[in-house]
Amino acid sequence: MSEAIKKVEEITIHLAGDSGDGMQLVGNELTNIMALFGSDVGTLPDYPSEIRAPAGTIAGVSGFRLHAGSIDVHTPGDEVDVLLAMNPAALKANIKSLKANGVLIANMGEFTEKNLQLAKYESNPLMDGSLEKYQAFAVDMNSMTALALKETGLDSKSVDRCKNFFALGMTFWLFNKPVDKTIEFIMAKFAKKPKFAEANSLALQAGYAYCATSDSFAFKYEIPSANLKPGKYRNLIGNEAVALGCAAASLKSGLPLFLGSYPITPATEILQTLSTYKAWGVKTLQMEDEIAGICSAIGAAFAGNLAV
């Protein structure tokens, strides 16, 4: 079938699921691909504030928002054009941010009676008409992923963990992007686990193929390349920027930098990044909990350090 191409200057997508669904991983990879093909990008990882809230609950929803455009992008966006919800809680937590007539892709396989109750739905929103103002597509990603991976020999739990790449394949089709670069990424990331590399690659391609062969999806989005000056660019996340800022403040102030920290999402990368700056005189100390990290920083400050 031939599908229409809908050209847009900018687009915002929100990927959301349970905290174990890997939304940050596929969100980062989608960001890399968008940037690679010329879009200016802004992102916002959205972690749950609770420490491992019960699966399927609104408190446990983890998300990743990406704003990509051919114009200068300065924010991750407020309203979203595309919402991908991996379960009812993800839908409940984020549906208010979806624009009228926006695209909603929901993983129908997770809309069970139990999950609907955990998300505090009295009826199934995919069937009760409450989503009429959106372009809603219900896709059973669970069974589609299982079908694509039935020859891999993986157990059902491992297969289920690959559905995030099925979802990513769908977004690649929707945004008219090829999958080959991401297959290279998967092979490198899971080089020591070849079965998982194969499974995630198959899931990615299956998601793309599903959209390409389905009669439901009538158009793709296409974003023209941004007018960026030629040169080398880096994908910088907020935590890395914090680490660079701290190190720069240390050099400018002439004070040695000390970080007392405890590694916990979403701040771990600050500790990881600063630990590589020993050549700049940066000292990092991993403590047993957050309070110990704070106390070590107070002591370092009294000892004349720029302490964090």
Foldseek 3Di string as FASTA:
>chain_A
DDFAEAEDFKFKEKEKFFPLQCQVVLLVVVVVQLVVQFWAKDKDWAAQPDDRDPHLALSRMTMMMMMTGLEHDDHSDQAGQEYEYAALSRCLNCVVRYDFQGEYEYQQLRDDPVSCVNSVHPDRPVPPCPNVRYLYHYHNLLVLQCVLCVPLPDDSVLSNSLSVLLVSLLLCLQAVHDCVVVLVVLCVVCVVPVSSSVSNSSSSPSSVVCLVPDPSDRYHYYHDHHPDDDDDDDDDDPLLVVLVVQLVVCVVVVFAEEFQAAQDPPNNVNLVNQVVVVVSNYYYHHDPDGVVRVVVQVVVVVVGHPGD
